[in-house]
PDB file of N, CA and C in Angstrom:
ATOM      1  N   MET A   1      34.669  69.733  14.687  1.00  0.00           N
ATOM      2  CA  MET A   1      34.057  70.733  13.828  1.00  0.00           C
ATOM      3  C   MET A   1      32.848  71.333  14.533  1.00  0.00           C
ATOM      4  N   ARG A   2      32.767  72.625  14.496  1.00  0.00           N
ATOM      5  CA  ARG A   2      31.626  73.321  15.080  1.00  0.00           C
ATOM      6  C   ARG A   2      30.723  73.815  13.966  1.00  0.00           C
ATOM      7  N   ILE A   3      29.431  73.731  14.193  1.00  0.00           N
ATOM      8  CA  ILE A   3      28.470  74.251  13.223  1.00  0.00           C
ATOM      9  C   ILE A   3      28.049  75.659  13.630  1.00  0.00           C
ATOM     10  N   ALA A   4      28.300  76.028  14.853  1.00  0.00           N
ATOM     11  CA  ALA A   4      27.884  77.334  15.349  1.00  0.00           C
ATOM     12  C   ALA A   4      28.538  78.452  14.548  1.00  0.00           C
ATOM     13  N   ASN A   5      27.805  79.505  14.343  1.00  0.00           N
ATOM     14  CA  ASN A   5      28.259  80.712  13.656  1.00  0.00           C
ATOM     15  C   ASN A   5      28.631  80.456  12.194  1.00  0.00           C
ATOM     16  N   GLY A   6      28.155  79.379  11.593  1.00  0.00           N
ATOM     17  CA  GLY A   6      28.403  79.119  10.174  1.00  0.00           C
ATOM     18  C   GLY A   6      29.855  78.871   9.837  1.00  0.00           C
ATOM     19  N   ARG A   7      30.607  78.337  10.761  1.00  0.00           N
ATOM     20  CA  ARG A   7      32.028  78.133  10.535  1.00  0.00           C
ATOM     21  C   ARG A   7      32.360  76.675  10.213  1.00  0.00           C
ATOM     22  N   LEU A   8      31.398  75.942   9.714  1.00  0.00           N
ATOM     23  CA  LEU A   8      31.624  74.531   9.417  1.00  0.00           C
ATOM     24  C   LEU A   8      32.717  74.363   8.370  1.00  0.00           C
ATOM     25  N   PHE A   9      32.619  75.101   7.269  1.00  0.00           N
ATOM     26  CA  PHE A   9      33.600  74.960   6.194  1.00  0.00           C
ATOM     27  C   PHE A   9      34.951  75.561   6.573  1.00  0.00           C
ATOM     28  N   ALA A  10      34.929  76.612   7.349  1.00  0.00           N
ATOM     29  CA  ALA A  10      36.186  77.206   7.769  1.00  0.00           C
ATOM     30  C   ALA A  10      36.942  76.256   8.698  1.00  0.00           C
ATOM     31  N   ASP A  11      36.220  75.592   9.591  1.00  0.00           N
ATOM     32  CA  ASP A  11      36.878  74.630  10.479  1.00  0.00           C
ATOM     33  C   ASP A  11      37.349  73.407   9.708  1.00  0.00           C
ATOM     34  N   ALA A  12      36.571  72.953   8.723  1.00  0.00           N
ATOM     35  CA  ALA A  12      36.971  71.796   7.925  1.00  0.00           C
ATOM     36  C   ALA A  12      38.202  72.123   7.088  1.00  0.00           C
ATOM     37  N   ALA A  13      38.266  73.357   6.599  1.00  0.00           N
ATOM     38  CA  ALA A  13      39.415  73.751   5.780  1.00  0.00           C
ATOM     39  C   ALA A  13      40.697  73.761   6.611  1.00  0.00           C
ATOM     40  N   THR A  14      40.590  74.145   7.850  1.00  0.00           N
ATOM     41  CA  THR A  14      41.794  74.167   8.678  1.00  0.00           C
ATOM     42  C   THR A  14      42.123  72.781   9.218  1.00  0.00           C
ATOM     43  N   ALA A  15      41.132  71.891   9.319  1.00  0.00           N
ATOM     44  CA  ALA A  15      41.374  70.555   9.862  1.00  0.00           C
ATOM     45  C   ALA A  15      41.984  69.620   8.822  1.00  0.00           C
ATOM     46  N   LEU A  16      41.686  69.846   7.546  1.00  0.00           N
ATOM     47  CA  LEU A  16      42.195  68.969   6.484  1.00  0.00           C
ATOM     48  C   LEU A  16      43.488  69.543   5.905  1.00  0.00           C
ATOM     49  N   PRO A  17      44.357  68.670   5.434  1.00  0.00           N
ATOM     50  CA  PRO A  17      45.554  69.158   4.742  1.00  0.00           C
ATOM     51  C   PRO A  17      45.153  69.901   3.460  1.00  0.00           C
ATOM     52  N   PRO A  18      45.928  70.878   3.042  1.00  0.00           N
ATOM     53  CA  PRO A  18      45.547  71.689   1.870  1.00  0.00           C
ATOM     54  C   PRO A  18      45.349  70.870   0.594  1.00  0.00           C
ATOM     55  N   LEU A  19      46.157  69.840   0.378  1.00  0.00           N
ATOM     56  CA  LEU A  19      46.020  69.032  -0.828  1.00  0.00           C
ATOM     57  C   LEU A  19      44.699  68.265  -0.823  1.00  0.00           C
ATOM     58  N   LEU A  20      44.334  67.705   0.328  1.00  0.00           N
ATOM     59  CA  LEU A  20      43.075  66.970   0.439  1.00  0.00           C
ATOM     60  C   LEU A  20      41.883  67.910   0.309  1.00  0.00           C
ATOM     61  N   TRP A  21      41.982  69.098   0.891  1.00  0.00           N
ATOM     62  CA  TRP A  21      40.905  70.087   0.785  1.00  0.00           C
ATOM     63  C   TRP A  21      40.711  70.507  -0.676  1.00  0.00           C
ATOM     64  N   THR A  22      41.800  70.673  -1.411  1.00  0.00           N
ATOM     65  CA  THR A  22      41.720  71.033  -2.819  1.00  0.00           C
ATOM     66  C   THR A  22      41.071  69.911  -3.628  1.00  0.00           C
ATOM     67  N   LYS A  23      41.454  68.670  -3.361  1.00  0.00           N
ATOM     68  CA  LYS A  23      40.852  67.531  -4.063  1.00  0.00           C
ATOM     69  C   LYS A  23      39.355  67.448  -3.776  1.00  0.00           C
ATOM     70  N   LEU A  24      38.971  67.705  -2.535  1.00  0.00           N
ATOM     71  CA  LEU A  24      37.560  67.670  -2.153  1.00  0.00           C
ATOM     72  C   LEU A  24      36.768  68.743  -2.895  1.00  0.00           C
ATOM     73  N   LEU A  25      37.306  69.944  -2.929  1.00  0.00           N
ATOM     74  CA  LEU A  25      36.608  71.025  -3.628  1.00  0.00           C
ATOM     75  C   LEU A  25      36.512  70.764  -5.126  1.00  0.00           C
ATOM     76  N   LEU A  26      37.570  70.232  -5.730  1.00  0.00           N
ATOM     77  CA  LEU A  26      37.527  69.931  -7.165  1.00  0.00           C
ATOM     78  C   LEU A  26      36.557  68.800  -7.471  1.00  0.00           C
ATOM     79  N   ALA A  27      36.452  67.823  -6.571  1.00  0.00           N
ATOM     80  CA  ALA A  27      35.484  66.739  -6.761  1.00  0.00           C
ATOM     81  C   ALA A  27      34.059  67.284  -6.707  1.00  0.00           C
ATOM     82  N   LEU A  28      33.800  68.159  -5.744  1.00  0.00           N
ATOM     83  CA  LEU A  28      32.467  68.774  -5.655  1.00  0.00           C
ATOM     84  C   LEU A  28      32.180  69.645  -6.876  1.00  0.00           C
ATOM     85  N   LEU A  29      33.166  70.369  -7.346  1.00  0.00           N
ATOM     86  CA  LEU A  29      32.997  71.186  -8.541  1.00  0.00           C
ATOM     87  C   LEU A  29      32.697  70.310  -9.761  1.00  0.00           C
ATOM     88  N   GLY A  30      33.376  69.166  -9.850  1.00  0.00           N
ATOM     89  CA  GLY A  30      33.123  68.241 -10.949  1.00  0.00           C
ATOM     90  C   GLY A  30      31.703  67.708 -10.927  1.00  0.00           C
ATOM     91  N   ILE A  31      31.201  67.391  -9.741  1.00  0.00           N
ATOM     92  CA  ILE A  31      29.824  66.903  -9.625  1.00  0.00           C
ATOM     93  C   ILE A  31      28.836  67.983 -10.052  1.00  0.00           C
ATOM     94  N   VAL A  32      29.095  69.212  -9.652  1.00  0.00           N
ATOM     95  CA  VAL A  32      28.205  70.320 -10.031  1.00  0.00           C
ATOM     96  C   VAL A  32      28.233  70.532 -11.548  1.00  0.00           C
ATOM     97  N   VAL A  33      29.409  70.519 -12.146  1.00  0.00           N
ATOM     98  CA  VAL A  33      29.527  70.726 -13.597  1.00  0.00           C
ATOM     99  C   VAL A  33      28.828  69.602 -14.358  1.00  0.00           C
ATOM    100  N   LEU A  34      29.002  68.354 -13.909  1.00  0.00           N
ATOM    101  CA  LEU A  34      28.325  67.241 -14.565  1.00  0.00           C
ATOM    102  C   LEU A  34      26.806  67.349 -14.426  1.00  0.00           C
ATOM    103  N   GLY A  35      26.333  67.767 -13.286  1.00  0.00           N
ATOM    104  CA  GLY A  35      24.890  67.942 -13.088  1.00  0.00           C
ATOM    105  C   GLY A  35      24.314  69.004 -14.003  1.00  0.00           C
ATOM    106  N   ILE A  36      25.024  70.125 -14.125  1.00  0.00           N
ATOM    107  CA  ILE A  36      24.560  71.185 -15.018  1.00  0.00           C
ATOM    108  C   ILE A  36      24.600  70.706 -16.469  1.00  0.00           C
ATOM    109  N   GLY A  37      25.644  69.972 -16.829  1.00  0.00           N
ATOM    110  CA  GLY A  37      25.736  69.433 -18.187  1.00  0.00           C
ATOM    111  C   GLY A  37      24.609  68.466 -18.494  1.00  0.00           C
ATOM    112  N   MET A  38      24.265  67.627 -17.534  1.00  0.00           N
ATOM    113  CA  MET A  38      23.159  66.697 -17.750  1.00  0.00           C
ATOM    114  C   MET A  38      21.835  67.443 -17.894  1.00  0.00           C
ATOM    115  N   ALA A  39      21.630  68.484 -17.117  1.00  0.00           N
ATOM    116  CA  ALA A  39      20.395  69.266 -17.232  1.00  0.00           C
ATOM    117  C   ALA A  39      20.313  69.938 -18.597  1.00  0.00           C
ATOM    118  N   ILE A  40      21.424  70.453 -19.089  1.00  0.00           N
ATOM    119  CA  ILE A  40      21.434  71.077 -20.416  1.00  0.00           C
ATOM    120  C   ILE A  40      21.133  70.042 -21.493  1.00  0.00           C
ATOM    121  N   MET A  41      21.694  68.839 -21.357  1.00  0.00           N
ATOM    122  CA  MET A  41      21.428  67.785 -22.338  1.00  0.00           C
ATOM    123  C   MET A  41      19.952  67.384 -22.337  1.00  0.00           C
ATOM    124  N   VAL A  42      19.323  67.343 -21.172  1.00  0.00           N
ATOM    125  CA  VAL A  42      17.903  67.003 -21.091  1.00  0.00           C
ATOM    126  C   VAL A  42      17.058  68.070 -21.780  1.00  0.00           C
ATOM    127  N   VAL A  43      17.383  69.332 -21.542  1.00  0.00           N
ATOM    128  CA  VAL A  43      16.623  70.417 -22.163  1.00  0.00           C
ATOM    129  C   VAL A  43      16.778  70.383 -23.687  1.00  0.00           C
ATOM    130  N   LEU A  44      18.014  70.236 -24.164  1.00  0.00           N
ATOM    131  CA  LEU A  44      18.230  70.204 -25.612  1.00  0.00           C
ATOM    132  C   LEU A  44      17.613  68.956 -26.241  1.00  0.00           C
ATOM    133  N   GLY A  45      17.685  67.826 -25.559  1.00  0.00           N
ATOM    134  CA  GLY A  45      17.059  66.613 -26.068  1.00  0.00           C
ATOM    135  C   GLY A  45      15.549  66.738 -26.118  1.00  0.00           C
ATOM    136  N   GLY A  46      14.972  67.364 -25.123  1.00  0.00           N
ATOM    137  CA  GLY A  46      13.524  67.591 -25.120  1.00  0.00           C
ATOM    138  C   GLY A  46      13.083  68.490 -26.261  1.00  0.00           C
ATOM    139  N   ARG A  47      13.884  69.499 -26.547  1.00  0.00           N
ATOM    140  CA  ARG A  47      13.545  70.375 -27.680  1.00  0.00           C
ATOM    141  C   ARG A  47      13.611  69.618 -28.994  1.00  0.00           C
ATOM    142  N   ALA A  48      14.608  68.735 -29.129  1.00  0.00           N
ATOM    143  CA  ALA A  48      14.739  67.960 -30.360  1.00  0.00           C
ATOM    144  C   ALA A  48      13.568  66.992 -30.519  1.00  0.00           C
ATOM    145  N   VAL A  49      13.157  66.361 -29.436  1.00  0.00           N
ATOM    146  CA  VAL A  49      12.025  65.432 -29.504  1.00  0.00           C
ATOM    147  C   VAL A  49      10.740  66.179 -29.814  1.00  0.00           C
ATOM    148  N   LYS A  50      10.577  67.355 -29.246  1.00  0.00           N
ATOM    149  CA  LYS A  50       9.379  68.146 -29.534  1.00  0.00           C
ATOM    150  C   LYS A  50       9.345  68.546 -31.008  1.00  0.00           C
ATOM    151  N   ARG A  51      10.513  68.895 -31.553  1.00  0.00           N
ATOM    152  CA  ARG A  51      10.586  69.257 -32.966  1.00  0.00           C
ATOM    153  C   ARG A  51      10.244  68.054 -33.845  1.00  0.00           C
ATOM    154  N   LEU A  52      10.720  66.873 -33.479  1.00  0.00           N
ATOM    155  CA  LEU A  52      10.399  65.667 -34.240  1.00  0.00           C
ATOM    156  C   LEU A  52       8.921  65.317 -34.133  1.00  0.00           C
ATOM    157  N   ALA A  53       8.316  65.556 -32.978  1.00  0.00           N
ATOM    158  CA  ALA A  53       6.905  65.218 -32.790  1.00  0.00           C
ATOM    159  C   ALA A  53       5.997  66.141 -33.600  1.00  0.00           C
ATOM    160  N   ARG A  54       6.439  67.349 -33.876  1.00  0.00           N
ATOM    161  CA  ARG A  54       5.627  68.270 -34.673  1.00  0.00           C
ATOM    162  C   ARG A  54       5.641  67.926 -36.151  1.00  0.00           C
ATOM    163  N   HIS A  55       6.620  67.145 -36.582  1.00  0.00           N
ATOM    164  CA  HIS A  55       6.743  66.805 -37.998  1.00  0.00           C
ATOM    165  C   HIS A  55       5.629  65.849 -38.402  1.00  0.00           C
ATOM    166  N   ARG A  56       4.889  66.218 -39.429  1.00  0.00           N
ATOM    167  CA  ARG A  56       3.787  65.389 -39.921  1.00  0.00           C
ATOM    168  C   ARG A  56       4.205  64.717 -41.215  1.00  0.00           C
ATOM    169  N   THR A  57       3.598  63.569 -41.488  1.00  0.00           N
ATOM    170  CA  THR A  57       3.866  62.893 -42.754  1.00  0.00           C
ATOM    171  C   THR A  57       3.113  63.607 -43.867  1.00  0.00           C
ATOM    172  N   ASP A  58       3.546  63.387 -45.078  1.00  0.00           N
ATOM    173  CA  ASP A  58       2.936  64.027 -46.230  1.00  0.00           C
ATOM    174  C   ASP A  58       1.536  63.468 -46.442  1.00  0.00           C
ATOM    175  N   ALA A  59       0.542  64.337 -46.551  1.00  0.00           N
ATOM    176  CA  ALA A  59      -0.847  63.902 -46.698  1.00  0.00           C
ATOM    177  C   ALA A  59      -1.116  63.308 -48.081  1.00  0.00           C
ATOM    178  N   SER A  60      -0.289  63.641 -49.078  1.00  0.00           N
ATOM    179  CA  SER A  60      -0.533  63.109 -50.416  1.00  0.00           C
ATOM    180  C   SER A  60      -0.127  61.639 -50.525  1.00  0.00           C
ATOM    181  N   LYS A  61       0.727  61.159 -49.625  1.00  0.00           N
ATOM    182  CA  LYS A  61       1.124  59.758 -49.624  1.00  0.00           C
ATOM    183  C   LYS A  61       0.515  59.076 -48.403  1.00  0.00           C
ATOM    184  N   PRO A  62      -0.586  58.364 -48.560  1.00  0.00           N
ATOM    185  CA  PRO A  62      -1.155  57.698 -47.390  1.00  0.00           C
ATOM    186  C   PRO A  62      -0.243  56.569 -46.919  1.00  0.00           C
ATOM    187  N   ALA A  63      -0.182  56.392 -45.638  1.00  0.00           N
ATOM    188  CA  ALA A  63       0.658  55.339 -45.076  1.00  0.00           C
ATOM    189  C   ALA A  63       0.027  53.983 -45.347  1.00  0.00           C
ATOM    190  N   ASP A  64       0.863  52.985 -45.590  1.00  0.00           N
ATOM    191  CA  ASP A  64       0.376  51.638 -45.855  1.00  0.00           C
ATOM    192  C   ASP A  64       0.105  50.960 -44.515  1.00  0.00           C
ATOM    193  N   GLU A  65      -1.153  50.991 -44.089  1.00  0.00           N
ATOM    194  CA  GLU A  65      -1.511  50.442 -42.789  1.00  0.00           C
ATOM    195  C   GLU A  65      -1.833  48.950 -42.841  1.00  0.00           C
ATOM    196  N   SER A  66      -1.935  48.369 -44.039  1.00  0.00           N
ATOM    197  CA  SER A  66      -2.319  46.960 -44.136  1.00  0.00           C
ATOM    198  C   SER A  66      -1.114  46.061 -44.391  1.00  0.00           C
ATOM    199  N   TRP A  67       0.077  46.486 -44.041  1.00  0.00           N
ATOM    200  CA  TRP A  67       1.277  45.707 -44.325  1.00  0.00           C
ATOM    201  C   TRP A  67       1.276  44.381 -43.578  1.00  0.00           C
ATOM    202  N   TYR A  68       0.632  44.338 -42.435  1.00  0.00           N
ATOM    203  CA  TYR A  68       0.635  43.115 -41.640  1.00  0.00           C
ATOM    204  C   TYR A  68      -0.389  42.092 -42.122  1.00  0.00           C
ATOM    205  N   GLN A  69      -1.298  42.475 -43.014  1.00  0.00           N
ATOM    206  CA  GLN A  69      -2.325  41.561 -43.498  1.00  0.00           C
ATOM    207  C   GLN A  69      -1.918  40.839 -44.772  1.00  0.00           C
ATOM    208  N   ARG A  70      -0.878  41.308 -45.447  1.00  0.00           N
ATOM    209  CA  ARG A  70      -0.446  40.671 -46.688  1.00  0.00           C
ATOM    210  C   ARG A  70       0.461  39.491 -46.397  1.00  0.00           C
ATOM    211  N   PRO A  71       0.470  38.484 -47.289  1.00  0.00           N
ATOM    212  CA  PRO A  71       1.393  37.366 -47.098  1.00  0.00           C
ATOM    213  C   PRO A  71       2.844  37.811 -47.253  1.00  0.00           C
ATOM    214  N   LEU A  72       3.749  37.065 -46.656  1.00  0.00           N
ATOM    215  CA  LEU A  72       5.155  37.445 -46.660  1.00  0.00           C
ATOM    216  C   LEU A  72       5.775  37.403 -48.042  1.00  0.00           C
ATOM    217  N   ASP A  73       5.317  36.529 -48.935  1.00  0.00           N
ATOM    218  CA  ASP A  73       5.950  36.431 -50.244  1.00  0.00           C
ATOM    219  C   ASP A  73       5.731  37.685 -51.083  1.00  0.00           C
ATOM    220  N   GLU A  74       4.744  38.498 -50.753  1.00  0.00           N
ATOM    221  CA  GLU A  74       4.572  39.776 -51.449  1.00  0.00           C
ATOM    222  C   GLU A  74       5.524  40.836 -50.904  1.00  0.00           C
ATOM    223  N   GLN A  75       5.969  40.670 -49.678  1.00  0.00           N
ATOM    224  CA  GLN A  75       6.789  41.690 -49.042  1.00  0.00           C
ATOM    225  C   GLN A  75       8.281  41.448 -49.197  1.00  0.00           C
ATOM    226  N   LEU A  76       8.700  40.176 -49.315  1.00  0.00           N
ATOM    227  CA  LEU A  76      10.120  39.867 -49.397  1.00  0.00           C
ATOM    228  C   LEU A  76      10.601  39.932 -50.840  1.00  0.00           C
ATOM    229  N   PRO A  77      11.840  40.337 -51.073  1.00  0.00           N
ATOM    230  CA  PRO A  77      12.373  40.332 -52.448  1.00  0.00           C
ATOM    231  C   PRO A  77      12.583  38.898 -52.918  1.00  0.00           C
ATOM    232  N   ASP A  78      12.592  38.730 -54.250  1.00  0.00           N
ATOM    233  CA  ASP A  78      12.807  37.390 -54.811  1.00  0.00           C
ATOM    234  C   ASP A  78      14.219  36.933 -54.504  1.00  0.00           C
ATOM    235  N   GLN A  79      14.341  35.654 -54.140  1.00  0.00           N
ATOM    236  CA  GLN A  79      15.642  35.088 -53.829  1.00  0.00           C
ATOM    237  C   GLN A  79      15.905  33.918 -54.756  1.00  0.00           C
ATOM    238  N   GLY A  80      17.182  33.730 -55.094  1.00  0.00           N
ATOM    239  CA  GLY A  80      17.561  32.627 -55.973  1.00  0.00           C
ATOM    240  C   GLY A  80      17.532  31.313 -55.232  1.00  0.00           C
ATOM    241  N   ALA A  81      17.943  30.245 -55.896  1.00  0.00           N
ATOM    242  CA  ALA A  81      17.909  28.920 -55.309  1.00  0.00           C
ATOM    243  C   ALA A  81      18.891  28.788 -54.144  1.00  0.00           C
ATOM    244  N   ASP A  82      19.988  29.565 -54.170  1.00  0.00           N
ATOM    245  CA  ASP A  82      20.961  29.464 -53.109  1.00  0.00           C
ATOM    246  C   ASP A  82      20.630  30.380 -51.905  1.00  0.00           C
ATOM    247  N   GLY A  83      19.532  31.106 -51.986  1.00  0.00           N
ATOM    248  CA  GLY A  83      19.135  31.975 -50.885  1.00  0.00           C
ATOM    249  C   GLY A  83      19.644  33.388 -50.979  1.00  0.00           C
ATOM    250  N   ASN A  84      20.461  33.685 -51.995  1.00  0.00           N
ATOM    251  CA  ASN A  84      20.964  35.036 -52.193  1.00  0.00           C
ATOM    252  C   ASN A  84      20.067  35.767 -53.157  1.00  0.00           C
ATOM    253  N   ASP A  85      19.933  37.057 -52.960  1.00  0.00           N
ATOM    254  CA  ASP A  85      19.162  37.848 -53.913  1.00  0.00           C
ATOM    255  C   ASP A  85      20.084  38.631 -54.842  1.00  0.00           C
ATOM    256  N   ASP A  86      21.239  38.026 -55.175  1.00  0.00           N
ATOM    257  CA  ASP A  86      22.186  38.637 -56.092  1.00  0.00           C
ATOM    258  C   ASP A  86      21.667  38.504 -57.522  1.00  0.00           C
ATOM    259  N   ASP A  87      21.776  39.580 -58.278  1.00  0.00           N
ATOM    260  CA  ASP A  87      21.351  39.532 -59.675  1.00  0.00           C
ATOM    261  C   ASP A  87      22.477  39.073 -60.585  1.00  0.00           C
ATOM    262  N   ALA A  88      23.710  39.214 -60.154  1.00  0.00           N
ATOM    263  CA  ALA A  88      24.841  38.872 -61.004  1.00  0.00           C
ATOM    264  C   ALA A  88      25.222  37.419 -60.887  1.00  0.00           C
TER     265      ALA A  88
END
């Protein structure tokens, strides 16, 4: 293969059998398509995360910041003697 005069691909195309050359080109095309798809997914995912980050909680309902200071028996639902919290 010669690199002179920009004939690298032309020489490779004539050196390889047509079926192998076609498989090579389709493999490269697949890599390019997957790369573009991944870039699009990153952009769309970033927009979704930015939209979620702009969302604020309602100011009329203050968040319960002291949940970790209360004993567990106030936080867990009542359970029966068998350990189930079934009402029936």
